[in-house]
Amino acid sequence: MDFLPAPLRGVIASLLLALNTILCCTPLFVVAIFKLCLPFPAAQKVTDWLMSHIHEAWISNNNAWMDLLGHTRWHLSGLESLDYQHSYLVTSNHQSWVDIMVLQYVLNRRIRPLKFFLKQELIWVPVIGLAWWALGFPFMKRYSKAYLAKHPEKKGKDLATTRRTCAKFRNNPVGIFNFVEGTRFTEAKHAQQNSPFRYLLKPKAGGIAFVLDAMGEQLESIVNVTIHYPAGRPGYWDLLCGNVREVVAHFEEVQIPPQFIGKSYDQDDAYRLEFQQWINRLWEDKDALLAQMHERYPG
């Protein structure tokens, strides 16, 4: 549909996204009601299977309008070893909200649908909050250091809650996602942090360590994704308008060092330092890979 003006393509994509969400949420909520009413292992297995496939159908429909309204050239590598039957922790550099759509586009049906750790308050977001809950996204409540100083009895409660939430993934493969940088890259944030990396913000190791503490035994590996947009960082409206013309993405499967599983990041100082150094080395390699991508795929 390149013959249509970009703003019109954006409006059409927005309508298709909304329609897709409504069409998929309707059966999702019906299945979720059955899941609540039939708390038996056999019924839970069936409802989980149905909701996972509804989730994948939602992504597939989004992929369809992305292909219809834009003709993105995809340069992908490192996907060969991924297995639909395994559980993974996926992470990526973060440049744009488009990153999430890119990851869903590429990974759909290669691994299980990605689930994000969400703040507990987000469950109240209209429609989508209920969808996240129905799909089994883990909601977590993190306490600040200042709050824990005043309420020491709450120490460790956030992790205990997350462990209970993750227990339901024990018998089913899952894809857990976390942006290590914690926020989107901008030149202003890069300068403010005085980041030692050329193309990245400083990594925040706590999020990944939190996941490894909660469910590290189940994870096959970490899928470390590096994304580059040769034409520059796109906005979400650019994606809707079909203006994301080229995407470069490398997927590296990183084995999880056994000494990092089941450790307390908040309470073990030696482990925290070792883990931060390990994440920093991964980020150094990612920064070097991004430099190569910029040279090979210039804007």
Protein backbone atom coordinates (compact mmCIF):
# COMPACT_ATOMS: atom_id res chain seq x y z
CA MET A 1 0.00 0.00 0.00
CA ASP A 2 2.90 2.34 -0.70
CA PHE A 3 0.63 4.38 -2.97
CA LEU A 4 -1.32 5.62 0.08
CA PRO A 5 -0.13 8.70 1.99
CA ALA A 6 1.79 7.79 5.14
CA PRO A 7 -0.73 9.42 7.54
CA LEU A 8 -3.56 7.42 5.96
CA ARG A 9 -1.55 4.23 6.35
CA GLY A 10 -1.06 5.17 10.01
CA VAL A 11 -4.79 5.60 10.55
CA ILE A 12 -5.54 2.27 8.84
CA ALA A 13 -2.89 0.49 10.94
CA SER A 14 -4.28 2.03 14.13
CA LEU A 15 -7.77 0.80 13.27
CA LEU A 16 -6.48 -2.67 12.40
CA LEU A 17 -4.54 -2.82 15.67
CA ALA A 18 -7.61 -1.79 17.65
CA LEU A 19 -9.84 -4.25 15.79
CA ASN A 20 -7.33 -7.05 16.26
CA THR A 21 -7.15 -6.32 20.00
CA ILE A 22 -10.94 -6.37 20.37
CA LEU A 23 -11.34 -9.55 18.32
CA CYS A 24 -8.64 -11.39 20.27
CA CYS A 25 -9.55 -10.08 23.73
CA THR A 26 -13.15 -11.27 23.40
CA PRO A 27 -12.35 -15.02 23.26
CA LEU A 28 -9.42 -14.46 25.64
CA PHE A 29 -11.72 -13.13 28.36
CA VAL A 30 -14.19 -15.98 27.78
CA VAL A 31 -11.42 -18.53 28.24
CA ALA A 32 -10.18 -16.62 31.32
CA ILE A 33 -13.64 -17.00 32.91
CA PHE A 34 -13.53 -20.75 32.31
CA LYS A 35 -10.02 -20.78 33.82
CA LEU A 36 -11.35 -19.15 36.99
CA CYS A 37 -14.38 -21.43 37.20
CA LEU A 38 -12.50 -24.68 36.50
CA PRO A 39 -9.44 -24.73 38.77
CA PHE A 40 -8.54 -28.32 37.90
CA PRO A 41 -5.18 -29.32 36.38
CA ALA A 42 -6.66 -30.75 33.17
CA ALA A 43 -8.89 -27.72 32.62
CA GLN A 44 -6.07 -25.31 33.46
CA LYS A 45 -3.84 -27.01 30.89
CA VAL A 46 -6.48 -26.58 28.18
CA THR A 47 -7.23 -22.93 29.04
CA ASP A 48 -3.53 -22.06 29.21
CA TRP A 49 -3.03 -23.65 25.76
CA LEU A 50 -5.97 -21.72 24.32
CA MET A 51 -4.85 -18.37 25.76
CA SER A 52 -1.29 -18.87 24.53
CA HIS A 53 -2.55 -19.49 21.01
CA ILE A 54 -4.86 -16.46 21.18
CA HIS A 55 -1.81 -14.42 22.19
CA GLU A 56 0.11 -15.78 19.19
CA ALA A 57 -2.84 -15.08 16.89
CA TRP A 58 -2.89 -11.45 18.09
CA ILE A 59 0.81 -11.12 17.24
CA SER A 60 0.35 -12.84 13.87
CA ASN A 61 -2.47 -10.45 12.95
CA ASN A 62 -0.27 -7.49 13.89
CA ASN A 63 2.51 -8.93 11.76
CA ALA A 64 0.05 -9.14 8.85
CA TRP A 65 -0.82 -5.42 8.90
CA MET A 66 2.86 -4.56 9.35
CA ASP A 67 3.61 -6.52 6.16
CA LEU A 68 0.60 -5.03 4.36
CA LEU A 69 1.33 -1.38 5.10
CA GLY A 70 5.11 -1.42 5.10
CA HIS A 71 7.80 -3.35 3.28
CA THR A 72 10.47 -3.72 5.93
CA ARG A 73 13.73 -5.37 4.96
CA TRP A 74 14.75 -7.73 7.74
CA HIS A 75 18.40 -8.63 8.37
CA LEU A 76 18.23 -11.38 11.01
CA SER A 77 20.85 -13.71 12.45
CA GLY A 78 21.30 -16.13 15.36
CA LEU A 79 17.79 -17.61 15.39
CA GLU A 80 18.73 -21.16 14.43
CA SER A 81 19.09 -22.67 17.91
CA LEU A 82 15.88 -21.35 19.47
CA ASP A 83 13.37 -24.03 20.49
CA TYR A 84 9.62 -23.55 21.00
CA GLN A 85 9.67 -26.13 23.81
CA HIS A 86 12.22 -24.27 25.95
CA SER A 87 11.96 -21.36 28.37
CA TYR A 88 14.06 -18.25 27.77
CA LEU A 89 14.87 -14.92 29.34
CA VAL A 90 14.99 -12.42 26.47
CA THR A 91 16.67 -9.02 26.70
CA SER A 92 17.54 -6.32 24.18
CA ASN A 93 18.94 -2.84 23.79
CA HIS A 94 16.07 -0.34 23.91
CA GLN A 95 15.79 2.46 21.37
CA SER A 96 12.08 2.76 20.64
CA TRP A 97 8.65 1.32 21.46
CA VAL A 98 9.02 -0.27 18.02
CA ASP A 99 11.52 -2.68 19.63
CA ILE A 100 8.69 -4.64 21.24
CA MET A 101 6.83 -5.07 17.95
CA VAL A 102 10.08 -6.10 16.25
CA LEU A 103 10.75 -8.77 18.89
CA GLN A 104 7.20 -10.08 18.71
CA TYR A 105 7.33 -10.11 14.90
CA VAL A 106 10.54 -12.13 14.77
CA LEU A 107 10.07 -14.44 17.77
CA ASN A 108 6.39 -15.31 17.32
CA ARG A 109 6.05 -19.11 17.27
CA ARG A 110 9.85 -19.52 17.41
CA ILE A 111 9.60 -19.39 21.21
CA ARG A 112 6.61 -18.95 23.52
CA PRO A 113 4.94 -15.51 23.54
CA LEU A 114 6.95 -12.96 25.51
CA LYS A 115 5.71 -12.04 28.97
CA PHE A 116 6.88 -8.89 30.74
CA PHE A 117 7.26 -8.32 34.46
CA LEU A 118 4.76 -5.54 35.12
CA LYS A 119 4.20 -3.17 38.00
CA GLN A 120 1.22 -4.28 40.06
CA GLU A 121 -0.59 -0.99 39.39
CA LEU A 122 -0.75 -1.72 35.63
CA ILE A 123 -3.39 -4.39 36.15
CA TRP A 124 -5.90 -1.52 36.36
CA VAL A 125 -5.18 -0.28 32.81
CA PRO A 126 -8.52 -0.59 30.93
CA VAL A 127 -8.87 -3.75 28.81
CA ILE A 128 -5.17 -4.37 28.29
CA GLY A 129 -4.50 -4.74 32.04
CA LEU A 130 -7.12 -7.49 32.19
CA ALA A 131 -5.61 -9.08 29.07
CA TRP A 132 -2.15 -9.08 30.68
CA TRP A 133 -3.63 -10.74 33.76
CA ALA A 134 -5.51 -13.35 31.69
CA LEU A 135 -2.35 -14.17 29.70
CA GLY A 136 -0.43 -14.77 32.91
CA PHE A 137 1.93 -11.79 32.77
CA PRO A 138 3.70 -11.70 36.14
CA PHE A 139 2.71 -8.65 38.18
CA MET A 140 5.22 -7.60 40.81
CA LYS A 141 5.41 -5.09 43.61
CA ARG A 142 8.89 -3.71 44.18
CA TYR A 143 9.61 -1.76 47.36
CA SER A 144 12.05 1.13 47.32
CA LYS A 145 15.06 1.19 49.64
CA ALA A 146 13.52 4.12 51.50
CA TYR A 147 10.28 2.17 52.04
CA LEU A 148 12.17 -0.92 53.24
CA ALA A 149 14.15 1.21 55.67
CA LYS A 150 10.87 2.25 57.30
CA HIS A 151 9.24 -1.18 56.93
CA PRO A 152 11.98 -3.83 57.30
CA GLU A 153 9.32 -6.53 57.71
CA LYS A 154 8.59 -6.17 53.97
CA LYS A 155 12.14 -7.13 52.99
CA GLY A 156 12.06 -10.10 50.62
CA LYS A 157 8.28 -9.99 50.22
CA ASP A 158 8.50 -8.70 46.62
CA LEU A 159 10.66 -11.65 45.59
CA ALA A 160 8.45 -14.11 47.46
CA THR A 161 5.41 -12.77 45.61
CA THR A 162 7.21 -13.06 42.27
CA ARG A 163 8.28 -16.62 43.07
CA ARG A 164 4.64 -17.56 43.66
CA THR A 165 3.64 -15.90 40.41
CA CYS A 166 6.37 -17.70 38.46
CA ALA A 167 5.48 -21.07 39.98
CA LYS A 168 2.71 -21.47 37.39
CA PHE A 169 5.36 -21.45 34.64
CA ARG A 170 7.14 -24.46 36.10
CA ASN A 171 5.39 -27.03 33.89
CA ASN A 172 5.10 -24.90 30.77
CA PRO A 173 7.74 -23.27 28.55
CA VAL A 174 7.71 -19.48 28.79
CA GLY A 175 9.44 -16.44 27.31
CA ILE A 176 10.24 -13.76 29.90
CA PHE A 177 11.37 -10.36 28.66
CA ASN A 178 13.32 -7.57 30.33
CA PHE A 179 14.95 -4.38 28.96
CA VAL A 180 18.26 -4.23 30.84
CA GLU A 181 18.71 -0.50 30.23
CA GLY A 182 15.33 0.13 31.83
CA THR A 183 14.48 3.01 29.49
CA ARG A 184 14.81 4.03 25.85
CA PHE A 185 18.13 5.34 24.59
CA THR A 186 18.34 9.07 23.86
CA GLU A 187 21.38 11.29 23.47
CA ALA A 188 20.26 13.31 26.49
CA LYS A 189 20.01 10.23 28.74
CA HIS A 190 23.33 8.97 27.38
CA ALA A 191 25.05 12.23 28.28
CA GLN A 192 23.32 12.49 31.65
CA GLN A 193 24.53 9.01 32.60
CA ASN A 194 28.00 9.65 31.23
CA SER A 195 27.61 6.18 29.73
CA PRO A 196 30.88 4.41 28.88
CA PHE A 197 29.20 2.88 25.83
CA ARG A 198 28.84 4.51 22.45
CA TYR A 199 25.37 3.24 21.51
CA LEU A 200 23.96 2.06 24.83
CA LEU A 201 22.86 3.29 28.22
CA LYS A 202 24.31 1.74 31.35
CA PRO A 203 22.76 -1.69 32.06
CA LYS A 204 20.69 -2.21 35.17
CA ALA A 205 21.53 -5.71 36.29
CA GLY A 206 18.91 -5.96 39.03
CA GLY A 207 15.97 -6.81 36.75
CA ILE A 208 17.64 -9.84 35.16
CA ALA A 209 19.07 -10.96 38.50
CA PHE A 210 15.56 -10.77 39.95
CA VAL A 211 14.24 -13.12 37.23
CA LEU A 212 17.14 -15.56 37.68
CA ASP A 213 16.48 -15.61 41.42
CA ALA A 214 12.78 -16.29 40.89
CA MET A 215 12.92 -18.88 38.10
CA GLY A 216 16.50 -19.39 36.91
CA GLU A 217 16.36 -23.20 37.20
CA GLN A 218 13.70 -23.36 34.49
CA LEU A 219 15.38 -21.12 31.93
CA GLU A 220 17.26 -22.71 29.03
CA SER A 221 19.36 -19.58 28.41
CA ILE A 222 19.32 -15.81 27.96
CA VAL A 223 18.51 -14.61 24.44
CA ASN A 224 20.56 -11.43 24.08
CA VAL A 225 19.12 -9.35 21.20
CA THR A 226 20.87 -6.45 19.49
CA ILE A 227 18.65 -4.23 17.32
CA HIS A 228 19.78 -1.55 14.85
CA TYR A 229 17.63 0.75 12.70
CA PRO A 230 19.83 1.99 9.80
CA ALA A 231 17.51 4.94 9.09
CA GLY A 232 17.55 6.08 12.73
CA ARG A 233 15.38 5.33 15.74
CA PRO A 234 11.73 5.14 14.60
CA GLY A 235 8.72 6.22 16.62
CA TYR A 236 5.61 4.08 17.00
CA TRP A 237 3.78 6.32 14.54
CA ASP A 238 6.52 5.57 11.99
CA LEU A 239 5.74 1.87 12.39
CA LEU A 240 2.00 2.46 11.96
CA CYS A 241 2.68 4.51 8.83
CA GLY A 242 4.84 1.76 7.34
CA ASN A 243 7.97 3.92 7.47
CA VAL A 244 10.28 1.44 9.20
CA ARG A 245 12.08 0.35 6.05
CA GLU A 246 14.96 -1.68 7.48
CA VAL A 247 15.65 -3.59 10.70
CA VAL A 248 18.86 -5.37 11.67
CA ALA A 249 18.65 -7.79 14.60
CA HIS A 250 21.10 -10.33 15.99
CA PHE A 251 19.98 -13.00 18.47
CA GLU A 252 22.67 -14.54 20.70
CA GLU A 253 21.87 -17.40 23.04
CA VAL A 254 23.90 -16.89 26.23
CA GLN A 255 24.23 -19.71 28.74
CA ILE A 256 23.41 -18.70 32.32
CA PRO A 257 26.39 -19.23 34.67
CA PRO A 258 25.17 -21.70 37.33
CA GLN A 259 26.55 -19.58 40.15
CA PHE A 260 24.05 -16.84 39.26
CA ILE A 261 20.93 -18.97 39.80
CA GLY A 262 18.99 -18.70 43.05
CA LYS A 263 21.13 -15.94 44.56
CA SER A 264 19.86 -12.82 46.32
CA TYR A 265 20.94 -9.76 44.34
CA ASP A 266 19.78 -7.39 47.09
CA GLN A 267 21.43 -9.18 49.99
CA ASP A 268 24.61 -10.79 48.61
CA ASP A 269 27.19 -8.06 47.93
CA ALA A 270 29.80 -10.35 46.36
CA TYR A 271 27.25 -11.89 44.00
CA ARG A 272 25.87 -8.45 43.08
CA LEU A 273 29.33 -7.19 42.08
CA GLU A 274 30.15 -10.34 40.07
CA PHE A 275 26.79 -10.22 38.29
CA GLN A 276 27.14 -6.52 37.45
CA GLN A 277 30.59 -7.18 35.96
CA TRP A 278 29.18 -10.04 33.85
CA ILE A 279 26.33 -7.88 32.52
CA ASN A 280 28.79 -5.06 31.76
CA ARG A 281 30.90 -7.45 29.67
CA LEU A 282 27.79 -8.48 27.71
CA TRP A 283 27.07 -4.78 27.14
CA GLU A 284 30.62 -4.11 25.96
CA ASP A 285 30.21 -6.86 23.37
CA LYS A 286 26.80 -5.51 22.37
CA ASP A 287 28.22 -2.00 21.90
CA ALA A 288 30.98 -3.39 19.68
CA LEU A 289 28.38 -5.33 17.64
CA LEU A 290 26.30 -2.18 17.21
CA ALA A 291 29.37 -0.37 15.90
CA GLN A 292 29.79 -3.12 13.30
CA MET A 293 26.10 -2.87 12.39
CA HIS A 294 26.39 0.89 11.88
CA GLU A 295 29.31 0.32 9.52
CA ARG A 296 27.68 -2.52 7.57
CA TYR A 297 24.19 -0.97 7.42
CA PRO A 298 24.66 2.81 7.33
CA GLY A 299 21.63 5.07 7.24
